[in-house]
Amino acid sequence: MTTTLLENPPAKAVKPLRISSARRTAILKALADPRRFELLERIAKAGCPLGCAQALAALPISPATLSHHIKELESAGLINVRREGKFHFLTLRPGVLKSLTNLLEALDTSPCAER
């Protein structure tokens, strides 16, 4: 079977990263803000680099606030920002969310046996 240009190529398997305690704290703090979480969702759903102008049009926030949220997400290591002249494009950082998911799932232990 041949792949046409219209078909999506198979997704690459993304290996989880090792997350330090400080990085884990930064990630959770960044995700605690509802607007930042919404921005992260929009970046994820875009499927390709999301331009800041697109993000700004979709969120009811000022450009300065968007800039602040982008800085927080980038500092936490959740997103990559590619700069092309005066334009900025946002993508998820591969493996970070999977690593966070693995850390959270590890907290879900079996209940203790009753005595």
PDB file of N, CA and C in Angstrom:
ATOM      1  N   MET A   1       0.849  -1.178   0.000  1.00  0.00           N
ATOM      2  CA  MET A   1       0.000   0.000   0.000  1.00  0.00           C
ATOM      3  C   MET A   1       0.890   1.235   0.000  1.00  0.00           C
ATOM      4  N   THR A   2       0.613   2.152  -0.886  1.00  0.00           N
ATOM      5  CA  THR A   2       1.418   3.368  -0.959  1.00  0.00           C
ATOM      6  C   THR A   2       0.740   4.488  -0.206  1.00  0.00           C
ATOM      7  N   THR A   3       1.551   5.397   0.288  1.00  0.00           N
ATOM      8  CA  THR A   3       1.032   6.540   1.030  1.00  0.00           C
ATOM      9  C   THR A   3       0.879   7.713   0.079  1.00  0.00           C
ATOM     10  N   THR A   4      -0.281   8.327   0.084  1.00  0.00           N
ATOM     11  CA  THR A   4      -0.475   9.526  -0.724  1.00  0.00           C
ATOM     12  C   THR A   4      -0.169  10.744   0.123  1.00  0.00           C
ATOM     13  N   LEU A   5      -0.079  11.873  -0.510  1.00  0.00           N
ATOM     14  CA  LEU A   5       0.209  13.107   0.208  1.00  0.00           C
ATOM     15  C   LEU A   5      -0.903  13.484   1.173  1.00  0.00           C
ATOM     16  N   LEU A   6      -2.109  12.988   0.948  1.00  0.00           N
ATOM     17  CA  LEU A   6      -3.232  13.371   1.793  1.00  0.00           C
ATOM     18  C   LEU A   6      -3.300  12.559   3.081  1.00  0.00           C
ATOM     19  N   GLU A   7      -2.641  11.409   3.127  1.00  0.00           N
ATOM     20  CA  GLU A   7      -2.675  10.585   4.326  1.00  0.00           C
ATOM     21  C   GLU A   7      -1.671  11.094   5.344  1.00  0.00           C
ATOM     22  N   ASN A   8      -2.003  10.946   6.617  1.00  0.00           N
ATOM     23  CA  ASN A   8      -1.072  11.321   7.675  1.00  0.00           C
ATOM     24  C   ASN A   8      -0.031  10.226   7.822  1.00  0.00           C
ATOM     25  N   PRO A   9       1.248  10.599   7.930  1.00  0.00           N
ATOM     26  CA  PRO A   9       2.259   9.570   8.166  1.00  0.00           C
ATOM     27  C   PRO A   9       2.085   8.991   9.558  1.00  0.00           C
ATOM     28  N   PRO A  10       2.576   7.768   9.787  1.00  0.00           N
ATOM     29  CA  PRO A  10       2.419   7.178  11.123  1.00  0.00           C
ATOM     30  C   PRO A  10       3.131   8.028  12.162  1.00  0.00           C
ATOM     31  N   ALA A  11       2.513   8.152  13.340  1.00  0.00           N
ATOM     32  CA  ALA A  11       3.101   8.964  14.411  1.00  0.00           C
ATOM     33  C   ALA A  11       4.340   8.267  14.951  1.00  0.00           C
ATOM     34  N   LYS A  12       5.354   9.074  15.239  1.00  0.00           N
ATOM     35  CA  LYS A  12       6.582   8.535  15.815  1.00  0.00           C
ATOM     36  C   LYS A  12       6.343   8.235  17.282  1.00  0.00           C
ATOM     37  N   ALA A  13       6.936   7.161  17.745  1.00  0.00           N
ATOM     38  CA  ALA A  13       6.858   6.847  19.172  1.00  0.00           C
ATOM     39  C   ALA A  13       7.766   7.821  19.908  1.00  0.00           C
ATOM     40  N   VAL A  14       7.215   8.497  20.890  1.00  0.00           N
ATOM     41  CA  VAL A  14       7.979   9.476  21.657  1.00  0.00           C
ATOM     42  C   VAL A  14       8.348   8.853  22.993  1.00  0.00           C
ATOM     43  N   LYS A  15       9.647   8.821  23.254  1.00  0.00           N
ATOM     44  CA  LYS A  15      10.110   8.251  24.511  1.00  0.00           C
ATOM     45  C   LYS A  15       9.915   9.260  25.632  1.00  0.00           C
ATOM     46  N   PRO A  16       9.478   8.782  26.784  1.00  0.00           N
ATOM     47  CA  PRO A  16       9.364   9.675  27.930  1.00  0.00           C
ATOM     48  C   PRO A  16      10.753  10.184  28.345  1.00  0.00           C
ATOM     49  N   LEU A  17      10.800  11.374  28.863  1.00  0.00           N
ATOM     50  CA  LEU A  17      12.041  11.970  29.345  1.00  0.00           C
ATOM     51  C   LEU A  17      12.133  11.806  30.854  1.00  0.00           C
ATOM     52  N   ARG A  18      13.335  11.897  31.372  1.00  0.00           N
ATOM     53  CA  ARG A  18      13.500  11.916  32.825  1.00  0.00           C
ATOM     54  C   ARG A  18      13.244  13.343  33.281  1.00  0.00           C
ATOM     55  N   ILE A  19      12.350  13.504  34.228  1.00  0.00           N
ATOM     56  CA  ILE A  19      11.985  14.828  34.722  1.00  0.00           C
ATOM     57  C   ILE A  19      12.487  14.973  36.154  1.00  0.00           C
ATOM     58  N   SER A  20      13.270  16.017  36.378  1.00  0.00           N
ATOM     59  CA  SER A  20      13.772  16.279  37.727  1.00  0.00           C
ATOM     60  C   SER A  20      12.638  16.806  38.598  1.00  0.00           C
ATOM     61  N   SER A  21      12.871  16.818  39.887  1.00  0.00           N
ATOM     62  CA  SER A  21      11.884  17.338  40.833  1.00  0.00           C
ATOM     63  C   SER A  21      11.587  18.811  40.554  1.00  0.00           C
ATOM     64  N   ALA A  22      12.617  19.587  40.271  1.00  0.00           N
ATOM     65  CA  ALA A  22      12.423  21.015  39.987  1.00  0.00           C
ATOM     66  C   ALA A  22      11.627  21.209  38.698  1.00  0.00           C
ATOM     67  N   ARG A  23      11.921  20.410  37.664  1.00  0.00           N
ATOM     68  CA  ARG A  23      11.194  20.519  36.398  1.00  0.00           C
ATOM     69  C   ARG A  23       9.747  20.112  36.580  1.00  0.00           C
ATOM     70  N   ARG A  24       9.516  19.039  37.355  1.00  0.00           N
ATOM     71  CA  ARG A  24       8.143  18.584  37.624  1.00  0.00           C
ATOM     72  C   ARG A  24       7.342  19.689  38.298  1.00  0.00           C
ATOM     73  N   THR A  25       7.944  20.359  39.272  1.00  0.00           N
ATOM     74  CA  THR A  25       7.272  21.453  39.961  1.00  0.00           C
ATOM     75  C   THR A  25       6.959  22.590  38.994  1.00  0.00           C
ATOM     76  N   ALA A  26       7.913  22.946  38.134  1.00  0.00           N
ATOM     77  CA  ALA A  26       7.702  24.025  37.157  1.00  0.00           C
ATOM     78  C   ALA A  26       6.575  23.671  36.185  1.00  0.00           C
ATOM     79  N   ILE A  27       6.529  22.421  35.755  1.00  0.00           N
ATOM     80  CA  ILE A  27       5.483  21.982  34.828  1.00  0.00           C
ATOM     81  C   ILE A  27       4.114  22.074  35.484  1.00  0.00           C
ATOM     82  N   LEU A  28       4.002  21.552  36.697  1.00  0.00           N
ATOM     83  CA  LEU A  28       2.711  21.567  37.375  1.00  0.00           C
ATOM     84  C   LEU A  28       2.251  22.990  37.684  1.00  0.00           C
ATOM     85  N   LYS A  29       3.177  23.871  38.042  1.00  0.00           N
ATOM     86  CA  LYS A  29       2.817  25.278  38.276  1.00  0.00           C
ATOM     87  C   LYS A  29       2.336  25.928  36.980  1.00  0.00           C
ATOM     88  N   ALA A  30       3.021  25.629  35.888  1.00  0.00           N
ATOM     89  CA  ALA A  30       2.624  26.209  34.598  1.00  0.00           C
ATOM     90  C   ALA A  30       1.236  25.725  34.186  1.00  0.00           C
ATOM     91  N   LEU A  31       0.950  24.461  34.433  1.00  0.00           N
ATOM     92  CA  LEU A  31      -0.345  23.901  34.037  1.00  0.00           C
ATOM     93  C   LEU A  31      -1.474  24.288  34.977  1.00  0.00           C
ATOM     94  N   ALA A  32      -1.149  24.823  36.147  1.00  0.00           N
ATOM     95  CA  ALA A  32      -2.178  25.197  37.122  1.00  0.00           C
ATOM     96  C   ALA A  32      -3.002  26.393  36.665  1.00  0.00           C
ATOM     97  N   ASP A  33      -2.463  27.211  35.779  1.00  0.00           N
ATOM     98  CA  ASP A  33      -3.206  28.373  35.290  1.00  0.00           C
ATOM     99  C   ASP A  33      -4.146  27.931  34.167  1.00  0.00           C
ATOM    100  N   PRO A  34      -5.444  28.208  34.285  1.00  0.00           N
ATOM    101  CA  PRO A  34      -6.409  27.746  33.274  1.00  0.00           C
ATOM    102  C   PRO A  34      -6.121  28.267  31.862  1.00  0.00           C
ATOM    103  N   ARG A  35      -5.680  29.501  31.738  1.00  0.00           N
ATOM    104  CA  ARG A  35      -5.385  30.054  30.396  1.00  0.00           C
ATOM    105  C   ARG A  35      -4.160  29.371  29.785  1.00  0.00           C
ATOM    106  N   ARG A  36      -3.150  29.094  30.603  1.00  0.00           N
ATOM    107  CA  ARG A  36      -1.969  28.404  30.081  1.00  0.00           C
ATOM    108  C   ARG A  36      -2.333  27.001  29.643  1.00  0.00           C
ATOM    109  N   PHE A  37      -3.173  26.335  30.431  1.00  0.00           N
ATOM    110  CA  PHE A  37      -3.606  24.985  30.060  1.00  0.00           C
ATOM    111  C   PHE A  37      -4.391  25.040  28.752  1.00  0.00           C
ATOM    112  N   GLU A  38      -5.248  26.039  28.614  1.00  0.00           N
ATOM    113  CA  GLU A  38      -6.018  26.204  27.377  1.00  0.00           C
ATOM    114  C   GLU A  38      -5.093  26.459  26.188  1.00  0.00           C
ATOM    115  N   LEU A  39      -4.071  27.269  26.396  1.00  0.00           N
ATOM    116  CA  LEU A  39      -3.089  27.535  25.339  1.00  0.00           C
ATOM    117  C   LEU A  39      -2.367  26.244  24.960  1.00  0.00           C
ATOM    118  N   LEU A  40      -1.972  25.463  25.947  1.00  0.00           N
ATOM    119  CA  LEU A  40      -1.295  24.194  25.678  1.00  0.00           C
ATOM    120  C   LEU A  40      -2.210  23.254  24.889  1.00  0.00           C
ATOM    121  N   GLU A  41      -3.491  23.223  25.236  1.00  0.00           N
ATOM    122  CA  GLU A  41      -4.457  22.408  24.489  1.00  0.00           C
ATOM    123  C   GLU A  41      -4.535  22.848  23.037  1.00  0.00           C
ATOM    124  N   ARG A  42      -4.568  24.147  22.816  1.00  0.00           N
ATOM    125  CA  ARG A  42      -4.655  24.672  21.448  1.00  0.00           C
ATOM    126  C   ARG A  42      -3.413  24.313  20.641  1.00  0.00           C
ATOM    127  N   ILE A  43      -2.257  24.382  21.276  1.00  0.00           N
ATOM    128  CA  ILE A  43      -1.016  24.009  20.598  1.00  0.00           C
ATOM    129  C   ILE A  43      -1.070  22.528  20.227  1.00  0.00           C
ATOM    130  N   ALA A  44      -1.519  21.696  21.162  1.00  0.00           N
ATOM    131  CA  ALA A  44      -1.598  20.253  20.919  1.00  0.00           C
ATOM    132  C   ALA A  44      -2.582  19.927  19.807  1.00  0.00           C
ATOM    133  N   LYS A  45      -3.727  20.574  19.810  1.00  0.00           N
ATOM    134  CA  LYS A  45      -4.772  20.281  18.824  1.00  0.00           C
ATOM    135  C   LYS A  45      -4.439  20.818  17.441  1.00  0.00           C
ATOM    136  N   ALA A  46      -3.532  21.789  17.358  1.00  0.00           N
ATOM    137  CA  ALA A  46      -3.190  22.384  16.066  1.00  0.00           C
ATOM    138  C   ALA A  46      -2.555  21.352  15.136  1.00  0.00           C
ATOM    139  N   GLY A  47      -1.804  20.413  15.695  1.00  0.00           N
ATOM    140  CA  GLY A  47      -1.200  19.381  14.872  1.00  0.00           C
ATOM    141  C   GLY A  47       0.035  19.827  14.112  1.00  0.00           C
ATOM    142  N   CYS A  48       0.246  21.099  14.010  1.00  0.00           N
ATOM    143  CA  CYS A  48       1.429  21.663  13.377  1.00  0.00           C
ATOM    144  C   CYS A  48       1.759  22.942  14.149  1.00  0.00           C
ATOM    145  N   PRO A  49       2.902  23.546  13.897  1.00  0.00           N
ATOM    146  CA  PRO A  49       3.243  24.746  14.678  1.00  0.00           C
ATOM    147  C   PRO A  49       2.119  25.790  14.654  1.00  0.00           C
ATOM    148  N   LEU A  50       1.766  26.256  15.836  1.00  0.00           N
ATOM    149  CA  LEU A  50       0.701  27.247  15.992  1.00  0.00           C
ATOM    150  C   LEU A  50       1.329  28.630  16.063  1.00  0.00           C
ATOM    151  N   GLY A  51       0.909  29.510  15.182  1.00  0.00           N
ATOM    152  CA  GLY A  51       1.401  30.881  15.203  1.00  0.00           C
ATOM    153  C   GLY A  51       0.811  31.643  16.372  1.00  0.00           C
ATOM    154  N   CYS A  52       1.578  32.573  16.896  1.00  0.00           N
ATOM    155  CA  CYS A  52       1.090  33.371  18.027  1.00  0.00           C
ATOM    156  C   CYS A  52      -0.151  34.166  17.660  1.00  0.00           C
ATOM    157  N   ALA A  53      -0.229  34.621  16.417  1.00  0.00           N
ATOM    158  CA  ALA A  53      -1.415  35.372  15.988  1.00  0.00           C
ATOM    159  C   ALA A  53      -2.655  34.480  16.049  1.00  0.00           C
ATOM    160  N   GLN A  54      -2.502  33.214  15.680  1.00  0.00           N
ATOM    161  CA  GLN A  54      -3.620  32.269  15.759  1.00  0.00           C
ATOM    162  C   GLN A  54      -4.016  32.033  17.212  1.00  0.00           C
ATOM    163  N   ALA A  55      -3.027  31.883  18.065  1.00  0.00           N
ATOM    164  CA  ALA A  55      -3.299  31.651  19.487  1.00  0.00           C
ATOM    165  C   ALA A  55      -3.996  32.859  20.088  1.00  0.00           C
ATOM    166  N   LEU A  56      -3.535  34.042  19.747  1.00  0.00           N
ATOM    167  CA  LEU A  56      -4.126  35.267  20.284  1.00  0.00           C
ATOM    168  C   LEU A  56      -5.572  35.432  19.825  1.00  0.00           C
ATOM    169  N   ALA A  57      -5.846  35.086  18.568  1.00  0.00           N
ATOM    170  CA  ALA A  57      -7.211  35.192  18.045  1.00  0.00           C
ATOM    171  C   ALA A  57      -8.165  34.224  18.748  1.00  0.00           C
ATOM    172  N   ALA A  58      -7.632  33.109  19.234  1.00  0.00           N
ATOM    173  CA  ALA A  58      -8.469  32.087  19.852  1.00  0.00           C
ATOM    174  C   ALA A  58      -8.678  32.291  21.346  1.00  0.00           C
ATOM    175  N   LEU A  59      -7.861  33.123  21.971  1.00  0.00           N
ATOM    176  CA  LEU A  59      -7.943  33.312  23.419  1.00  0.00           C
ATOM    177  C   LEU A  59      -8.326  34.757  23.757  1.00  0.00           C
ATOM    178  N   PRO A  60      -9.182  34.952  24.742  1.00  0.00           N
ATOM    179  CA  PRO A  60      -9.587  36.317  25.124  1.00  0.00           C
ATOM    180  C   PRO A  60      -8.577  36.965  26.081  1.00  0.00           C
ATOM    181  N   ILE A  61      -7.335  37.143  25.586  1.00  0.00           N
ATOM    182  CA  ILE A  61      -6.289  37.751  26.410  1.00  0.00           C
ATOM    183  C   ILE A  61      -5.527  38.777  25.578  1.00  0.00           C
ATOM    184  N   SER A  62      -4.785  39.624  26.258  1.00  0.00           N
ATOM    185  CA  SER A  62      -3.997  40.647  25.569  1.00  0.00           C
ATOM    186  C   SER A  62      -2.705  40.026  25.029  1.00  0.00           C
ATOM    187  N   PRO A  63      -2.066  40.685  24.065  1.00  0.00           N
ATOM    188  CA  PRO A  63      -0.788  40.186  23.562  1.00  0.00           C
ATOM    189  C   PRO A  63       0.264  40.039  24.664  1.00  0.00           C
ATOM    190  N   ALA A  64       0.291  40.980  25.608  1.00  0.00           N
ATOM    191  CA  ALA A  64       1.262  40.899  26.706  1.00  0.00           C
ATOM    192  C   ALA A  64       1.012  39.671  27.583  1.00  0.00           C
ATOM    193  N   THR A  65      -0.252  39.376  27.832  1.00  0.00           N
ATOM    194  CA  THR A  65      -0.595  38.202  28.639  1.00  0.00           C
ATOM    195  C   THR A  65      -0.234  36.920  27.896  1.00  0.00           C
ATOM    196  N   LEU A  66      -0.502  36.881  26.591  1.00  0.00           N
ATOM    197  CA  LEU A  66      -0.121  35.717  25.785  1.00  0.00           C
ATOM    198  C   LEU A  66       1.388  35.519  25.850  1.00  0.00           C
ATOM    199  N   SER A  67       2.134  36.587  25.715  1.00  0.00           N
ATOM    200  CA  SER A  67       3.589  36.513  25.785  1.00  0.00           C
ATOM    201  C   SER A  67       4.050  35.939  27.117  1.00  0.00           C
ATOM    202  N   HIS A  68       3.425  36.372  28.198  1.00  0.00           N
ATOM    203  CA  HIS A  68       3.759  35.870  29.523  1.00  0.00           C
ATOM    204  C   HIS A  68       3.473  34.363  29.623  1.00  0.00           C
ATOM    205  N   HIS A  69       2.318  33.936  29.138  1.00  0.00           N
ATOM    206  CA  HIS A  69       1.958  32.521  29.208  1.00  0.00           C
ATOM    207  C   HIS A  69       2.911  31.670  28.363  1.00  0.00           C
ATOM    208  N   ILE A  70       3.280  32.167  27.197  1.00  0.00           N
ATOM    209  CA  ILE A  70       4.233  31.446  26.347  1.00  0.00           C
ATOM    210  C   ILE A  70       5.559  31.302  27.072  1.00  0.00           C
ATOM    211  N   LYS A  71       6.020  32.376  27.705  1.00  0.00           N
ATOM    212  CA  LYS A  71       7.282  32.347  28.442  1.00  0.00           C
ATOM    213  C   LYS A  71       7.230  31.309  29.563  1.00  0.00           C
ATOM    214  N   GLU A  72       6.124  31.252  30.284  1.00  0.00           N
ATOM    215  CA  GLU A  72       5.983  30.291  31.382  1.00  0.00           C
ATOM    216  C   GLU A  72       5.983  28.848  30.864  1.00  0.00           C
ATOM    217  N   LEU A  73       5.266  28.587  29.780  1.00  0.00           N
ATOM    218  CA  LEU A  73       5.220  27.238  29.218  1.00  0.00           C
ATOM    219  C   LEU A  73       6.583  26.830  28.652  1.00  0.00           C
ATOM    220  N   GLU A  74       7.268  27.774  28.034  1.00  0.00           N
ATOM    221  CA  GLU A  74       8.597  27.492  27.486  1.00  0.00           C
ATOM    222  C   GLU A  74       9.610  27.263  28.612  1.00  0.00           C
ATOM    223  N   SER A  75       9.552  28.083  29.656  1.00  0.00           N
ATOM    224  CA  SER A  75      10.471  27.941  30.788  1.00  0.00           C
ATOM    225  C   SER A  75      10.272  26.605  31.509  1.00  0.00           C
ATOM    226  N   ALA A  76       9.035  26.144  31.554  1.00  0.00           N
ATOM    227  CA  ALA A  76       8.732  24.854  32.196  1.00  0.00           C
ATOM    228  C   ALA A  76       9.163  23.679  31.317  1.00  0.00           C
ATOM    229  N   GLY A  77       9.492  23.960  30.061  1.00  0.00           N
ATOM    230  CA  GLY A  77       9.922  22.901  29.156  1.00  0.00           C
ATOM    231  C   GLY A  77       8.788  22.181  28.459  1.00  0.00           C
ATOM    232  N   LEU A  78       7.595  22.791  28.464  1.00  0.00           N
ATOM    233  CA  LEU A  78       6.437  22.150  27.844  1.00  0.00           C
ATOM    234  C   LEU A  78       6.331  22.410  26.348  1.00  0.00           C
ATOM    235  N   ILE A  79       6.831  23.569  25.900  1.00  0.00           N
ATOM    236  CA  ILE A  79       6.715  23.918  24.486  1.00  0.00           C
ATOM    237  C   ILE A  79       8.055  24.395  23.945  1.00  0.00           C
ATOM    238  N   ASN A  80       8.163  24.326  22.635  1.00  0.00           N
ATOM    239  CA  ASN A  80       9.275  24.933  21.909  1.00  0.00           C
ATOM    240  C   ASN A  80       8.720  26.133  21.170  1.00  0.00           C
ATOM    241  N   VAL A  81       9.510  27.178  21.090  1.00  0.00           N
ATOM    242  CA  VAL A  81       9.123  28.377  20.349  1.00  0.00           C
ATOM    243  C   VAL A  81      10.145  28.575  19.237  1.00  0.00           C
ATOM    244  N   ARG A  82       9.665  28.530  18.004  1.00  0.00           N
ATOM    245  CA  ARG A  82      10.528  28.768  16.848  1.00  0.00           C
ATOM    246  C   ARG A  82      10.288  30.203  16.368  1.00  0.00           C
ATOM    247  N   ARG A  83      11.345  30.963  16.293  1.00  0.00           N
ATOM    248  CA  ARG A  83      11.234  32.357  15.892  1.00  0.00           C
ATOM    249  C   ARG A  83      11.683  32.512  14.441  1.00  0.00           C
ATOM    250  N   GLU A  84      10.839  33.139  13.646  1.00  0.00           N
ATOM    251  CA  GLU A  84      11.158  33.443  12.252  1.00  0.00           C
ATOM    252  C   GLU A  84      10.881  34.922  12.040  1.00  0.00           C
ATOM    253  N   GLY A  85      11.910  35.728  12.174  1.00  0.00           N
ATOM    254  CA  GLY A  85      11.736  37.174  12.084  1.00  0.00           C
ATOM    255  C   GLY A  85      10.870  37.639  13.234  1.00  0.00           C
ATOM    256  N   LYS A  86       9.792  38.333  12.915  1.00  0.00           N
ATOM    257  CA  LYS A  86       8.902  38.811  13.978  1.00  0.00           C
ATOM    258  C   LYS A  86       7.799  37.812  14.320  1.00  0.00           C
ATOM    259  N   PHE A  87       7.800  36.656  13.661  1.00  0.00           N
ATOM    260  CA  PHE A  87       6.777  35.638  13.903  1.00  0.00           C
ATOM    261  C   PHE A  87       7.313  34.559  14.837  1.00  0.00           C
ATOM    262  N   HIS A  88       6.415  34.013  15.653  1.00  0.00           N
ATOM    263  CA  HIS A  88       6.756  32.940  16.583  1.00  0.00           C
ATOM    264  C   HIS A  88       5.773  31.794  16.368  1.00  0.00           C
ATOM    265  N   PHE A  89       6.325  30.570  16.383  1.00  0.00           N
ATOM    266  CA  PHE A  89       5.509  29.385  16.171  1.00  0.00           C
ATOM    267  C   PHE A  89       5.712  28.440  17.349  1.00  0.00           C
ATOM    268  N   LEU A  90       4.616  27.913  17.869  1.00  0.00           N
ATOM    269  CA  LEU A  90       4.612  27.123  19.095  1.00  0.00           C
ATOM    270  C   LEU A  90       4.324  25.656  18.799  1.00  0.00           C
ATOM    271  N   THR A  91       5.115  24.773  19.415  1.00  0.00           N
ATOM    272  CA  THR A  91       4.890  23.331  19.309  1.00  0.00           C
ATOM    273  C   THR A  91       5.098  22.700  20.681  1.00  0.00           C
ATOM    274  N   LEU A  92       4.460  21.558  20.890  1.00  0.00           N
ATOM    275  CA  LEU A  92       4.684  20.803  22.121  1.00  0.00           C
ATOM    276  C   LEU A  92       6.092  20.232  22.098  1.00  0.00           C
ATOM    277  N   ARG A  93       6.690  20.160  23.241  1.00  0.00           N
ATOM    278  CA  ARG A  93       8.011  19.540  23.356  1.00  0.00           C
ATOM    279  C   ARG A  93       7.801  18.035  23.472  1.00  0.00           C
ATOM    280  N   PRO A  94       8.360  17.262  22.555  1.00  0.00           N
ATOM    281  CA  PRO A  94       8.122  15.810  22.547  1.00  0.00           C
ATOM    282  C   PRO A  94       8.567  15.133  23.839  1.00  0.00           C
ATOM    283  N   GLY A  95       7.719  14.225  24.333  1.00  0.00           N
ATOM    284  CA  GLY A  95       8.055  13.383  25.471  1.00  0.00           C
ATOM    285  C   GLY A  95       7.746  13.950  26.836  1.00  0.00           C
ATOM    286  N   VAL A  96       7.559  15.258  26.952  1.00  0.00           N
ATOM    287  CA  VAL A  96       7.372  15.863  28.271  1.00  0.00           C
ATOM    288  C   VAL A  96       6.032  15.457  28.880  1.00  0.00           C
ATOM    289  N   LEU A  97       4.964  15.555  28.123  1.00  0.00           N
ATOM    290  CA  LEU A  97       3.649  15.204  28.664  1.00  0.00           C
ATOM    291  C   LEU A  97       3.563  13.706  28.972  1.00  0.00           C
ATOM    292  N   LYS A  98       4.185  12.876  28.155  1.00  0.00           N
ATOM    293  CA  LYS A  98       4.199  11.433  28.415  1.00  0.00           C
ATOM    294  C   LYS A  98       4.951  11.153  29.710  1.00  0.00           C
ATOM    295  N   SER A  99       6.044  11.844  29.927  1.00  0.00           N
ATOM    296  CA  SER A  99       6.815  11.664  31.167  1.00  0.00           C
ATOM    297  C   SER A  99       6.007  12.087  32.382  1.00  0.00           C
ATOM    298  N   LEU A 100       5.302  13.200  32.259  1.00  0.00           N
ATOM    299  CA  LEU A 100       4.468  13.663  33.357  1.00  0.00           C
ATOM    300  C   LEU A 100       3.354  12.662  33.639  1.00  0.00           C
ATOM    301  N   THR A 101       2.750  12.143  32.596  1.00  0.00           N
ATOM    302  CA  THR A 101       1.703  11.131  32.745  1.00  0.00           C
ATOM    303  C   THR A 101       2.246   9.900  33.479  1.00  0.00           C
ATOM    304  N   ASN A 102       3.440   9.467  33.101  1.00  0.00           N
ATOM    305  CA  ASN A 102       4.046   8.301  33.761  1.00  0.00           C
ATOM    306  C   ASN A 102       4.289   8.581  35.240  1.00  0.00           C
ATOM    307  N   LEU A 103       4.756   9.784  35.567  1.00  0.00           N
ATOM    308  CA  LEU A 103       4.984  10.146  36.970  1.00  0.00           C
ATOM    309  C   LEU A 103       3.680  10.118  37.763  1.00  0.00           C
ATOM    310  N   LEU A 104       2.621  10.653  37.182  1.00  0.00           N
ATOM    311  CA  LEU A 104       1.330  10.691  37.870  1.00  0.00           C
ATOM    312  C   LEU A 104       0.728   9.294  38.008  1.00  0.00           C
ATOM    313  N   GLU A 105       0.878   8.483  36.976  1.00  0.00           N
ATOM    314  CA  GLU A 105       0.351   7.116  37.051  1.00  0.00           C
ATOM    315  C   GLU A 105       1.074   6.301  38.115  1.00  0.00           C
ATOM    316  N   ALA A 106       2.347   6.593  38.341  1.00  0.00           N
ATOM    317  CA  ALA A 106       3.120   5.875  39.355  1.00  0.00           C
ATOM    318  C   ALA A 106       2.579   6.167  40.759  1.00  0.00           C
ATOM    319  N   LEU A 107       1.872   7.278  40.932  1.00  0.00           N
ATOM    320  CA  LEU A 107       1.291   7.610  42.224  1.00  0.00           C
ATOM    321  C   LEU A 107       0.062   6.772  42.539  1.00  0.00           C
ATOM    322  N   ASP A 108      -0.551   6.220  41.511  1.00  0.00           N
ATOM    323  CA  ASP A 108      -1.769   5.426  41.667  1.00  0.00           C
ATOM    324  C   ASP A 108      -1.384   3.995  42.054  1.00  0.00           C
ATOM    325  N   THR A 109      -1.287   3.763  43.356  1.00  0.00           N
ATOM    326  CA  THR A 109      -0.869   2.454  43.840  1.00  0.00           C
ATOM    327  C   THR A 109      -2.088   1.638  44.249  1.00  0.00           C
ATOM    328  N   SER A 110      -1.860   0.370  44.408  1.00  0.00           N
ATOM    329  CA  SER A 110      -2.934  -0.515  44.875  1.00  0.00           C
ATOM    330  C   SER A 110      -3.260  -0.191  46.323  1.00  0.00           C
ATOM    331  N   PRO A 111      -4.506  -0.352  46.705  1.00  0.00           N
ATOM    332  CA  PRO A 111      -4.860  -0.085  48.101  1.00  0.00           C
ATOM    333  C   PRO A 111      -4.190  -1.115  49.028  1.00  0.00           C
ATOM    334  N   CYS A 112      -3.943  -0.702  50.240  1.00  0.00           N
ATOM    335  CA  CYS A 112      -3.336  -1.595  51.234  1.00  0.00           C
ATOM    336  C   CYS A 112      -4.327  -2.708  51.588  1.00  0.00           C
ATOM    337  N   ALA A 113      -3.779  -3.851  51.888  1.00  0.00           N
ATOM    338  CA  ALA A 113      -4.637  -4.950  52.329  1.00  0.00           C
ATOM    339  C   ALA A 113      -5.150  -4.630  53.727  1.00  0.00           C
ATOM    340  N   GLU A 114      -6.438  -4.829  53.932  1.00  0.00           N
ATOM    341  CA  GLU A 114      -7.012  -4.539  55.254  1.00  0.00           C
ATOM    342  C   GLU A 114      -6.545  -5.568  56.260  1.00  0.00           C
ATOM    343  N   ARG A 115      -6.370  -5.141  57.484  1.00  0.00           N
ATOM    344  CA  ARG A 115      -5.911  -6.061  58.550  1.00  0.00           C
ATOM    345  C   ARG A 115      -7.047  -6.698  59.244  1.00  0.00           C
TER     346      ARG A 115
END
